[in-house]
Amino acid sequence: MSAWSRSTREARPTRPVRPGDIVVSINGTATPSLQVLGAVLADLQVGETVTVTVISGGDERRLQVTLGKL
């Protein structure tokens, strides 16, 4: 897969996104760059549940994630 990736080294173990996972889309929208990822997140609300697709250990996983405030 040639899509841009975002390393999630800062993820906490209790979160569904694990350290080293690569976020490739949110709600079906590809995140090929940091700018696109930021734009997608900017259109969402705190408390909204979204589908995040990640590559984890070479496998694609789809996660339901409720967004929090940074």
PDB file of N, CA and C in Angstrom:
ATOM      1  N   MET A   1       0.854  -1.180   0.000  1.00  0.00           N
ATOM      2  CA  MET A   1       0.000   0.000   0.000  1.00  0.00           C
ATOM      3  C   MET A   1       0.891   1.231   0.000  1.00  0.00           C
ATOM      4  N   SER A   2       0.609   2.169  -0.865  1.00  0.00           N
ATOM      5  CA  SER A   2       1.464   3.336  -1.001  1.00  0.00           C
ATOM      6  C   SER A   2       0.886   4.576  -0.327  1.00  0.00           C
ATOM      7  N   ALA A   3      -0.171   4.418   0.431  1.00  0.00           N
ATOM      8  CA  ALA A   3      -0.790   5.562   1.098  1.00  0.00           C
ATOM      9  C   ALA A   3       0.138   6.100   2.179  1.00  0.00           C
ATOM     10  N   TRP A   4       0.031   7.399   2.422  1.00  0.00           N
ATOM     11  CA  TRP A   4       0.770   8.031   3.511  1.00  0.00           C
ATOM     12  C   TRP A   4       0.386   7.353   4.812  1.00  0.00           C
ATOM     13  N   SER A   5       1.254   7.303   5.743  1.00  0.00           N
ATOM     14  CA  SER A   5       0.960   6.680   7.032  1.00  0.00           C
ATOM     15  C   SER A   5       1.329   7.615   8.167  1.00  0.00           C
ATOM     16  N   ARG A   6       0.670   7.400   9.258  1.00  0.00           N
ATOM     17  CA  ARG A   6       0.959   8.172  10.464  1.00  0.00           C
ATOM     18  C   ARG A   6       1.298   7.181  11.566  1.00  0.00           C
ATOM     19  N   SER A   7       2.479   7.260  12.087  1.00  0.00           N
ATOM     20  CA  SER A   7       2.863   6.390  13.179  1.00  0.00           C
ATOM     21  C   SER A   7       2.132   6.825  14.431  1.00  0.00           C
ATOM     22  N   THR A   8       1.734   5.865  15.232  1.00  0.00           N
ATOM     23  CA  THR A   8       0.977   6.180  16.444  1.00  0.00           C
ATOM     24  C   THR A   8       1.773   5.780  17.681  1.00  0.00           C
ATOM     25  N   ARG A   9       3.024   6.194  17.722  1.00  0.00           N
ATOM     26  CA  ARG A   9       3.887   5.849  18.850  1.00  0.00           C
ATOM     27  C   ARG A   9       3.352   6.363  20.173  1.00  0.00           C
ATOM     28  N   GLU A  10       2.551   7.430  20.145  1.00  0.00           N
ATOM     29  CA  GLU A  10       2.076   8.022  21.384  1.00  0.00           C
ATOM     30  C   GLU A  10       0.802   7.376  21.912  1.00  0.00           C
ATOM     31  N   ALA A  11       0.266   6.396  21.201  1.00  0.00           N
ATOM     32  CA  ALA A  11      -0.983   5.760  21.624  1.00  0.00           C
ATOM     33  C   ALA A  11      -0.790   5.042  22.961  1.00  0.00           C
ATOM     34  N   ARG A  12      -1.807   5.058  23.785  1.00  0.00           N
ATOM     35  CA  ARG A  12      -1.774   4.354  25.066  1.00  0.00           C
ATOM     36  C   ARG A  12      -2.268   2.926  24.858  1.00  0.00           C
ATOM     37  N   PRO A  13      -1.775   1.974  25.660  1.00  0.00           N
ATOM     38  CA  PRO A  13      -2.167   0.574  25.483  1.00  0.00           C
ATOM     39  C   PRO A  13      -3.669   0.319  25.594  1.00  0.00           C
ATOM     40  N   THR A  14      -4.401   1.159  26.328  1.00  0.00           N
ATOM     41  CA  THR A  14      -5.830   0.941  26.497  1.00  0.00           C
ATOM     42  C   THR A  14      -6.635   1.431  25.292  1.00  0.00           C
ATOM     43  N   ARG A  15      -5.997   2.090  24.361  1.00  0.00           N
ATOM     44  CA  ARG A  15      -6.672   2.604  23.171  1.00  0.00           C
ATOM     45  C   ARG A  15      -6.665   1.533  22.085  1.00  0.00           C
ATOM     46  N   PRO A  16      -7.672   1.553  21.214  1.00  0.00           N
ATOM     47  CA  PRO A  16      -7.719   0.539  20.158  1.00  0.00           C
ATOM     48  C   PRO A  16      -6.640   0.711  19.099  1.00  0.00           C
ATOM     49  N   VAL A  17      -6.089   1.911  18.957  1.00  0.00           N
ATOM     50  CA  VAL A  17      -4.988   2.132  18.024  1.00  0.00           C
ATOM     51  C   VAL A  17      -3.708   1.881  18.807  1.00  0.00           C
ATOM     52  N   ARG A  18      -2.902   0.961  18.303  1.00  0.00           N
ATOM     53  CA  ARG A  18      -1.703   0.535  19.019  1.00  0.00           C
ATOM     54  C   ARG A  18      -0.453   1.240  18.498  1.00  0.00           C
ATOM     55  N   PRO A  19       0.580   1.319  19.327  1.00  0.00           N
ATOM     56  CA  PRO A  19       1.843   1.885  18.850  1.00  0.00           C
ATOM     57  C   PRO A  19       2.299   1.167  17.586  1.00  0.00           C
ATOM     58  N   GLY A  20       2.707   1.937  16.589  1.00  0.00           N
ATOM     59  CA  GLY A  20       3.164   1.365  15.335  1.00  0.00           C
ATOM     60  C   GLY A  20       2.076   1.192  14.290  1.00  0.00           C
ATOM     61  N   ASP A  21       0.794   1.313  14.681  1.00  0.00           N
ATOM     62  CA  ASP A  21      -0.292   1.229  13.701  1.00  0.00           C
ATOM     63  C   ASP A  21      -0.195   2.394  12.727  1.00  0.00           C
ATOM     64  N   ILE A  22      -0.634   2.173  11.502  1.00  0.00           N
ATOM     65  CA  ILE A  22      -0.612   3.202  10.465  1.00  0.00           C
ATOM     66  C   ILE A  22      -2.056   3.535  10.114  1.00  0.00           C
ATOM     67  N   VAL A  23      -2.468   4.772  10.330  1.00  0.00           N
ATOM     68  CA  VAL A  23      -3.828   5.212  10.015  1.00  0.00           C
ATOM     69  C   VAL A  23      -3.904   5.468   8.512  1.00  0.00           C
ATOM     70  N   VAL A  24      -4.802   4.730   7.814  1.00  0.00           N
ATOM     71  CA  VAL A  24      -4.902   4.886   6.359  1.00  0.00           C
ATOM     72  C   VAL A  24      -6.218   5.517   5.930  1.00  0.00           C
ATOM     73  N   SER A  25      -7.243   5.511   6.810  1.00  0.00           N
ATOM     74  CA  SER A  25      -8.485   6.210   6.473  1.00  0.00           C
ATOM     75  C   SER A  25      -9.321   6.435   7.712  1.00  0.00           C
ATOM     76  N   ILE A  26     -10.195   7.427   7.609  1.00  0.00           N
ATOM     77  CA  ILE A  26     -11.177   7.725   8.654  1.00  0.00           C
ATOM     78  C   ILE A  26     -12.527   7.842   7.968  1.00  0.00           C
ATOM     79  N   ASN A  27     -13.475   7.044   8.434  1.00  0.00           N
ATOM     80  CA  ASN A  27     -14.822   7.007   7.833  1.00  0.00           C
ATOM     81  C   ASN A  27     -14.770   6.807   6.323  1.00  0.00           C
ATOM     82  N   GLY A  28     -13.816   5.994   5.869  1.00  0.00           N
ATOM     83  CA  GLY A  28     -13.708   5.682   4.449  1.00  0.00           C
ATOM     84  C   GLY A  28     -12.960   6.707   3.615  1.00  0.00           C
ATOM     85  N   THR A  29     -12.546   7.821   4.233  1.00  0.00           N
ATOM     86  CA  THR A  29     -11.779   8.841   3.521  1.00  0.00           C
ATOM     87  C   THR A  29     -10.290   8.566   3.717  1.00  0.00           C
ATOM     88  N   ALA A  30      -9.589   8.327   2.618  1.00  0.00           N
ATOM     89  CA  ALA A  30      -8.152   8.052   2.694  1.00  0.00           C
ATOM     90  C   ALA A  30      -7.416   9.227   3.320  1.00  0.00           C
ATOM     91  N   THR A  31      -6.378   8.923   4.082  1.00  0.00           N
ATOM     92  CA  THR A  31      -5.552   9.948   4.721  1.00  0.00           C
ATOM     93  C   THR A  31      -4.126   9.839   4.157  1.00  0.00           C
ATOM     94  N   PRO A  32      -3.927  10.275   2.899  1.00  0.00           N
ATOM     95  CA  PRO A  32      -2.629  10.121   2.246  1.00  0.00           C
ATOM     96  C   PRO A  32      -1.563  11.116   2.693  1.00  0.00           C
ATOM     97  N   SER A  33      -1.935  12.078   3.521  1.00  0.00           N
ATOM     98  CA  SER A  33      -0.956  13.050   4.014  1.00  0.00           C
ATOM     99  C   SER A  33      -1.428  13.574   5.368  1.00  0.00           C
ATOM    100  N   LEU A  34      -0.512  14.190   6.071  1.00  0.00           N
ATOM    101  CA  LEU A  34      -0.850  14.795   7.355  1.00  0.00           C
ATOM    102  C   LEU A  34      -1.890  15.892   7.174  1.00  0.00           C
ATOM    103  N   GLN A  35      -1.795  16.636   6.070  1.00  0.00           N
ATOM    104  CA  GLN A  35      -2.750  17.712   5.799  1.00  0.00           C
ATOM    105  C   GLN A  35      -4.158  17.157   5.616  1.00  0.00           C
ATOM    106  N   VAL A  36      -4.289  16.062   4.884  1.00  0.00           N
ATOM    107  CA  VAL A  36      -5.611  15.447   4.682  1.00  0.00           C
ATOM    108  C   VAL A  36      -6.136  14.887   5.994  1.00  0.00           C
ATOM    109  N   LEU A  37      -5.275  14.229   6.753  1.00  0.00           N
ATOM    110  CA  LEU A  37      -5.688  13.703   8.057  1.00  0.00           C
ATOM    111  C   LEU A  37      -6.218  14.833   8.932  1.00  0.00           C
ATOM    112  N   GLY A  38      -5.510  15.942   8.985  1.00  0.00           N
ATOM    113  CA  GLY A  38      -5.946  17.091   9.779  1.00  0.00           C
ATOM    114  C   GLY A  38      -7.269  17.653   9.303  1.00  0.00           C
ATOM    115  N   ALA A  39      -7.449  17.734   7.976  1.00  0.00           N
ATOM    116  CA  ALA A  39      -8.698  18.254   7.422  1.00  0.00           C
ATOM    117  C   ALA A  39      -9.873  17.332   7.746  1.00  0.00           C
ATOM    118  N   VAL A  40      -9.651  16.036   7.652  1.00  0.00           N
ATOM    119  CA  VAL A  40     -10.713  15.070   7.980  1.00  0.00           C
ATOM    120  C   VAL A  40     -11.090  15.207   9.453  1.00  0.00           C
ATOM    121  N   LEU A  41     -10.092  15.268  10.316  1.00  0.00           N
ATOM    122  CA  LEU A  41     -10.369  15.386  11.755  1.00  0.00           C
ATOM    123  C   LEU A  41     -11.039  16.721  12.091  1.00  0.00           C
ATOM    124  N   ALA A  42     -10.683  17.780  11.380  1.00  0.00           N
ATOM    125  CA  ALA A  42     -11.266  19.096  11.652  1.00  0.00           C
ATOM    126  C   ALA A  42     -12.760  19.137  11.378  1.00  0.00           C
ATOM    127  N   ASP A  43     -13.236  18.267  10.496  1.00  0.00           N
ATOM    128  CA  ASP A  43     -14.658  18.216  10.163  1.00  0.00           C
ATOM    129  C   ASP A  43     -15.464  17.352  11.122  1.00  0.00           C
ATOM    130  N   LEU A  44     -14.811  16.742  12.099  1.00  0.00           N
ATOM    131  CA  LEU A  44     -15.487  15.854  13.034  1.00  0.00           C
ATOM    132  C   LEU A  44     -15.632  16.530  14.396  1.00  0.00           C
ATOM    133  N   GLN A  45     -16.506  15.981  15.223  1.00  0.00           N
ATOM    134  CA  GLN A  45     -16.791  16.566  16.535  1.00  0.00           C
ATOM    135  C   GLN A  45     -16.290  15.666  17.661  1.00  0.00           C
ATOM    136  N   VAL A  46     -15.881  16.257  18.768  1.00  0.00           N
ATOM    137  CA  VAL A  46     -15.544  15.512  19.971  1.00  0.00           C
ATOM    138  C   VAL A  46     -16.773  14.703  20.366  1.00  0.00           C
ATOM    139  N   GLY A  47     -16.573  13.441  20.700  1.00  0.00           N
ATOM    140  CA  GLY A  47     -17.660  12.563  21.089  1.00  0.00           C
ATOM    141  C   GLY A  47     -18.238  11.765  19.931  1.00  0.00           C
ATOM    142  N   GLU A  48     -17.882  12.137  18.700  1.00  0.00           N
ATOM    143  CA  GLU A  48     -18.359  11.417  17.516  1.00  0.00           C
ATOM    144  C   GLU A  48     -17.624  10.082  17.403  1.00  0.00           C
ATOM    145  N   THR A  49     -18.357   9.030  17.039  1.00  0.00           N
ATOM    146  CA  THR A  49     -17.747   7.725  16.808  1.00  0.00           C
ATOM    147  C   THR A  49     -17.495   7.568  15.320  1.00  0.00           C
ATOM    148  N   VAL A  50     -16.258   7.209  14.982  1.00  0.00           N
ATOM    149  CA  VAL A  50     -15.833   7.089  13.584  1.00  0.00           C
ATOM    150  C   VAL A  50     -15.193   5.722  13.361  1.00  0.00           C
ATOM    151  N   THR A  51     -15.113   5.339  12.098  1.00  0.00           N
ATOM    152  CA  THR A  51     -14.393   4.118  11.725  1.00  0.00           C
ATOM    153  C   THR A  51     -13.001   4.531  11.272  1.00  0.00           C
ATOM    154  N   VAL A  52     -11.999   4.009  11.963  1.00  0.00           N
ATOM    155  CA  VAL A  52     -10.602   4.280  11.626  1.00  0.00           C
ATOM    156  C   VAL A  52     -10.015   2.987  11.076  1.00  0.00           C
ATOM    157  N   THR A  53      -9.461   3.063   9.877  1.00  0.00           N
ATOM    158  CA  THR A  53      -8.805   1.900   9.280  1.00  0.00           C
ATOM    159  C   THR A  53      -7.308   2.066   9.473  1.00  0.00           C
ATOM    160  N   VAL A  54      -6.693   1.032  10.036  1.00  0.00           N
ATOM    161  CA  VAL A  54      -5.256   1.060  10.303  1.00  0.00           C
ATOM    162  C   VAL A  54      -4.615  -0.188   9.723  1.00  0.00           C
ATOM    163  N   ILE A  55      -3.329  -0.084   9.452  1.00  0.00           N
ATOM    164  CA  ILE A  55      -2.514  -1.256   9.164  1.00  0.00           C
ATOM    165  C   ILE A  55      -1.770  -1.545  10.464  1.00  0.00           C
ATOM    166  N   SER A  56      -1.972  -2.751  10.975  1.00  0.00           N
ATOM    167  CA  SER A  56      -1.409  -3.136  12.260  1.00  0.00           C
ATOM    168  C   SER A  56      -0.720  -4.489  12.104  1.00  0.00           C
ATOM    169  N   GLY A  57       0.585  -4.503  12.256  1.00  0.00           N
ATOM    170  CA  GLY A  57       1.318  -5.752  12.105  1.00  0.00           C
ATOM    171  C   GLY A  57       1.153  -6.368  10.730  1.00  0.00           C
ATOM    172  N   GLY A  58       0.964  -5.538   9.716  1.00  0.00           N
ATOM    173  CA  GLY A  58       0.796  -6.016   8.351  1.00  0.00           C
ATOM    174  C   GLY A  58      -0.636  -6.347   7.976  1.00  0.00           C
ATOM    175  N   ASP A  59      -1.547  -6.329   8.944  1.00  0.00           N
ATOM    176  CA  ASP A  59      -2.959  -6.621   8.700  1.00  0.00           C
ATOM    177  C   ASP A  59      -3.786  -5.347   8.752  1.00  0.00           C
ATOM    178  N   GLU A  60      -4.811  -5.267   7.898  1.00  0.00           N
ATOM    179  CA  GLU A  60      -5.726  -4.124   7.946  1.00  0.00           C
ATOM    180  C   GLU A  60      -6.782  -4.392   9.010  1.00  0.00           C
ATOM    181  N   ARG A  61      -7.016  -3.387   9.859  1.00  0.00           N
ATOM    182  CA  ARG A  61      -8.058  -3.486  10.894  1.00  0.00           C
ATOM    183  C   ARG A  61      -8.946  -2.262  10.800  1.00  0.00           C
ATOM    184  N   ARG A  62     -10.237  -2.464  11.038  1.00  0.00           N
ATOM    185  CA  ARG A  62     -11.193  -1.352  11.118  1.00  0.00           C
ATOM    186  C   ARG A  62     -11.645  -1.254  12.563  1.00  0.00           C
ATOM    187  N   LEU A  63     -11.519  -0.044  13.098  1.00  0.00           N
ATOM    188  CA  LEU A  63     -11.811   0.190  14.510  1.00  0.00           C
ATOM    189  C   LEU A  63     -12.910   1.233  14.652  1.00  0.00           C
ATOM    190  N   GLN A  64     -13.788   1.045  15.608  1.00  0.00           N
ATOM    191  CA  GLN A  64     -14.756   2.072  15.970  1.00  0.00           C
ATOM    192  C   GLN A  64     -14.122   2.868  17.105  1.00  0.00           C
ATOM    193  N   VAL A  65     -13.944   4.163  16.880  1.00  0.00           N
ATOM    194  CA  VAL A  65     -13.245   5.016  17.831  1.00  0.00           C
ATOM    195  C   VAL A  65     -14.112   6.235  18.136  1.00  0.00           C
ATOM    196  N   THR A  66     -14.270   6.548  19.415  1.00  0.00           N
ATOM    197  CA  THR A  66     -14.962   7.767  19.820  1.00  0.00           C
ATOM    198  C   THR A  66     -13.902   8.834  20.041  1.00  0.00           C
ATOM    199  N   LEU A  67     -14.072   9.954  19.333  1.00  0.00           N
ATOM    200  CA  LEU A  67     -13.073  11.012  19.371  1.00  0.00           C
ATOM    201  C   LEU A  67     -13.111  11.768  20.688  1.00  0.00           C
ATOM    202  N   GLY A  68     -11.927  12.057  21.201  1.00  0.00           N
ATOM    203  CA  GLY A  68     -11.793  12.835  22.425  1.00  0.00           C
ATOM    204  C   GLY A  68     -11.184  14.184  22.111  1.00  0.00           C
ATOM    205  N   LYS A  69     -11.054  14.990  23.129  1.00  0.00           N
ATOM    206  CA  LYS A  69     -10.460  16.309  22.983  1.00  0.00           C
ATOM    207  C   LYS A  69      -8.979  16.218  23.290  1.00  0.00           C
ATOM    208  N   LEU A  70      -8.160  16.873  22.460  1.00  0.00           N
ATOM    209  CA  LEU A  70      -6.714  16.898  22.699  1.00  0.00           C
ATOM    210  C   LEU A  70      -6.345  17.988  23.656  1.00  0.00           C
TER     211      LEU A  70
END
